[in-house]
């Protein structure tokens, strides 16, 4: 997923246990943030897909209503003509 590049401390001393714990905590927080960002992107994509499907459904329903209205109109006109 990613990495941290750690160099020697400026004073030349070894990293302490506290330094290591801090780095671990920061890396964990970064990992969670990256996972959240990826999940957010997936949710946004899913929302867009649902919006498109909803639009398609509404258009299909409207087309079907018009088709039924046309059939009713045509059958009524044929009945009156007969």
C-alpha atoms as a PDB file:
ATOM      1  CA  UNK A   1       0.000   0.000   0.000  1.00  0.00           C
ATOM      2  CA  UNK A   2       2.801   2.395   0.862  1.00  0.00           C
ATOM      3  CA  UNK A   3       5.937   2.864   2.872  1.00  0.00           C
ATOM      4  CA  UNK A   4       7.809   5.293   5.085  1.00  0.00           C
ATOM      5  CA  UNK A   5      11.466   5.965   4.502  1.00  0.00           C
ATOM      6  CA  UNK A   6      13.203   6.496   7.813  1.00  0.00           C
ATOM      7  CA  UNK A   7      16.697   7.970   8.026  1.00  0.00           C
ATOM      8  CA  UNK A   8      19.051   8.290  10.969  1.00  0.00           C
ATOM      9  CA  UNK A   9      18.225  10.807  13.633  1.00  0.00           C
ATOM     10  CA  UNK A  10      19.977  14.162  13.311  1.00  0.00           C
ATOM     11  CA  UNK A  11      21.820  13.670  16.575  1.00  0.00           C
ATOM     12  CA  UNK A  12      23.100  10.263  15.426  1.00  0.00           C
ATOM     13  CA  UNK A  13      21.440   8.418  18.291  1.00  0.00           C
ATOM     14  CA  UNK A  14      19.422   5.250  17.764  1.00  0.00           C
ATOM     15  CA  UNK A  15      15.664   5.410  17.553  1.00  0.00           C
ATOM     16  CA  UNK A  16      14.036   4.840  20.903  1.00  0.00           C
ATOM     17  CA  UNK A  17      11.122   2.578  21.691  1.00  0.00           C
ATOM     18  CA  UNK A  18       9.029   5.731  21.954  1.00  0.00           C
ATOM     19  CA  UNK A  19      10.147   6.782  18.453  1.00  0.00           C
ATOM     20  CA  UNK A  20       9.185   3.364  17.126  1.00  0.00           C
ATOM     21  CA  UNK A  21       5.802   3.487  18.835  1.00  0.00           C
ATOM     22  CA  UNK A  22       5.132   6.945  17.418  1.00  0.00           C
ATOM     23  CA  UNK A  23       6.087   5.819  13.918  1.00  0.00           C
ATOM     24  CA  UNK A  24       3.879   2.765  14.264  1.00  0.00           C
ATOM     25  CA  UNK A  25       0.924   4.914  15.404  1.00  0.00           C
ATOM     26  CA  UNK A  26       1.435   7.336  12.505  1.00  0.00           C
ATOM     27  CA  UNK A  27       1.654   4.469  10.010  1.00  0.00           C
ATOM     28  CA  UNK A  28      -1.520   2.902  11.413  1.00  0.00           C
ATOM     29  CA  UNK A  29      -3.369   6.224  11.137  1.00  0.00           C
ATOM     30  CA  UNK A  30      -2.138   6.682   7.563  1.00  0.00           C
ATOM     31  CA  UNK A  31      -3.266   3.163   6.691  1.00  0.00           C
ATOM     32  CA  UNK A  32      -6.748   3.804   8.071  1.00  0.00           C
ATOM     33  CA  UNK A  33      -6.941   7.114   6.194  1.00  0.00           C
ATOM     34  CA  UNK A  34      -5.984   5.411   2.920  1.00  0.00           C
ATOM     35  CA  UNK A  35      -8.539   2.645   3.476  1.00  0.00           C
ATOM     36  CA  UNK A  36     -11.225   5.225   4.256  1.00  0.00           C
ATOM     37  CA  UNK A  37     -10.393   7.192   1.108  1.00  0.00           C
ATOM     38  CA  UNK A  38     -10.654   4.046  -1.013  1.00  0.00           C
ATOM     39  CA  UNK A  39     -13.955   3.096   0.619  1.00  0.00           C
ATOM     40  CA  UNK A  40     -15.280   6.622   0.040  1.00  0.00           C
ATOM     41  CA  UNK A  41     -14.393   6.379  -3.660  1.00  0.00           C
ATOM     42  CA  UNK A  42     -16.186   3.037  -3.929  1.00  0.00           C
ATOM     43  CA  UNK A  43     -19.281   4.467  -2.259  1.00  0.00           C
ATOM     44  CA  UNK A  44     -19.272   7.452  -4.635  1.00  0.00           C
ATOM     45  CA  UNK A  45     -18.999   5.112  -7.629  1.00  0.00           C
ATOM     46  CA  UNK A  46     -21.843   2.972  -6.287  1.00  0.00           C
ATOM     47  CA  UNK A  47     -23.989   6.084  -5.761  1.00  0.00           C
ATOM     48  CA  UNK A  48     -23.356   7.167  -9.348  1.00  0.00           C
ATOM     49  CA  UNK A  49     -24.278   3.704 -10.595  1.00  0.00           C
ATOM     50  CA  UNK A  50     -27.500   3.804  -8.587  1.00  0.00           C
ATOM     51  CA  UNK A  51     -28.310   7.258  -9.961  1.00  0.00           C
ATOM     52  CA  UNK A  52     -27.880   5.962 -13.500  1.00  0.00           C
ATOM     53  CA  UNK A  53     -30.003   2.889 -12.812  1.00  0.00           C
ATOM     54  CA  UNK A  54     -32.696   5.042 -11.237  1.00  0.00           C
ATOM     55  CA  UNK A  55     -32.716   7.328 -14.273  1.00  0.00           C
ATOM     56  CA  UNK A  56     -32.956   4.335 -16.597  1.00  0.00           C
ATOM     57  CA  UNK A  57     -35.842   2.924 -14.572  1.00  0.00           C
ATOM     58  CA  UNK A  58     -37.732   6.231 -14.634  1.00  0.00           C
ATOM     59  CA  UNK A  59     -37.256   6.521 -18.398  1.00  0.00           C
ATOM     60  CA  UNK A  60     -38.454   2.941 -18.885  1.00  0.00           C
ATOM     61  CA  UNK A  61     -41.524   3.561 -16.734  1.00  0.00           C
ATOM     62  CA  UNK A  62     -42.320   6.721 -18.672  1.00  0.00           C
ATOM     63  CA  UNK A  63     -41.906   4.896 -21.994  1.00  0.00           C
ATOM     64  CA  UNK A  64     -44.201   2.111 -20.775  1.00  0.00           C
ATOM     65  CA  UNK A  65     -46.854   4.610 -19.629  1.00  0.00           C
ATOM     66  CA  UNK A  66     -46.778   6.283 -23.034  1.00  0.00           C
ATOM     67  CA  UNK A  67     -47.013   2.922 -24.808  1.00  0.00           C
ATOM     68  CA  UNK A  68     -50.018   1.889 -22.697  1.00  0.00           C
ATOM     69  CA  UNK A  69     -51.700   5.260 -23.222  1.00  0.00           C
ATOM     70  CA  UNK A  70     -51.137   4.945 -26.976  1.00  0.00           C
ATOM     71  CA  UNK A  71     -52.585   1.410 -26.999  1.00  0.00           C
ATOM     72  CA  UNK A  72     -55.617   2.508 -24.977  1.00  0.00           C
ATOM     73  CA  UNK A  73     -56.152   5.460 -27.270  1.00  0.00           C
ATOM     74  CA  UNK A  74     -55.805   3.316 -30.399  1.00  0.00           C
ATOM     75  CA  UNK A  75     -58.106   0.553 -29.103  1.00  0.00           C
ATOM     76  CA  UNK A  76     -60.715   3.126 -28.051  1.00  0.00           C
ATOM     77  CA  UNK A  77     -60.539   4.773 -31.466  1.00  0.00           C
ATOM     78  CA  UNK A  78     -60.936   1.381 -33.171  1.00  0.00           C
ATOM     79  CA  UNK A  79     -63.936   0.526 -30.976  1.00  0.00           C
ATOM     80  CA  UNK A  80     -65.609   3.824 -31.820  1.00  0.00           C
ATOM     81  CA  UNK A  81     -64.928   3.368 -35.528  1.00  0.00           C
ATOM     82  CA  UNK A  82     -66.428  -0.139 -35.538  1.00  0.00           C
END
